[in-house]
Amino acid sequence: GIFAASINAMAATYELGEQDPELAAAKSQLSGVQHSRFLHITESAEDVVMQNRMQRRLGQITGTCFQRCVGMDASNAMFATTYDVDQHCGTEYHQRFRRFIAQAQEGNVVI
């Protein structure tokens, strides 16, 4: 049907993680588990390079949007933003967000 290409492309993100974990998976300092690179909070310039390589490879494989880039980008932006808000306002958003991301990584879910 109309959603088949999107569903297959998202499935390809999991398949690539199994076939080429060095490219499409990462181990988190938050959860301690290996998970999809789409759930990884960037820790280094190498992480950014690997995200780009993974996205390029998935584009070659699927030829379409694989539905996970926005979640990856938003997670990284929220990680930094919640930290800044907490520093400025004395809130605890960052710790809650860290727990949320760790749970997502443990379940290897789509955000």
Foldseek 3Di string as FASTA:
>chain_A
DVCVLQVVLLVVLVVCCVVPVVQFWDAEPLQRDIAGLLLHQDDDPVSVVSVVVSVVVSCVVRVDDNPRNVVSVVLNVQLVVQVVCCVVPVDDSNVVSSVVSSVCRVVNDGD
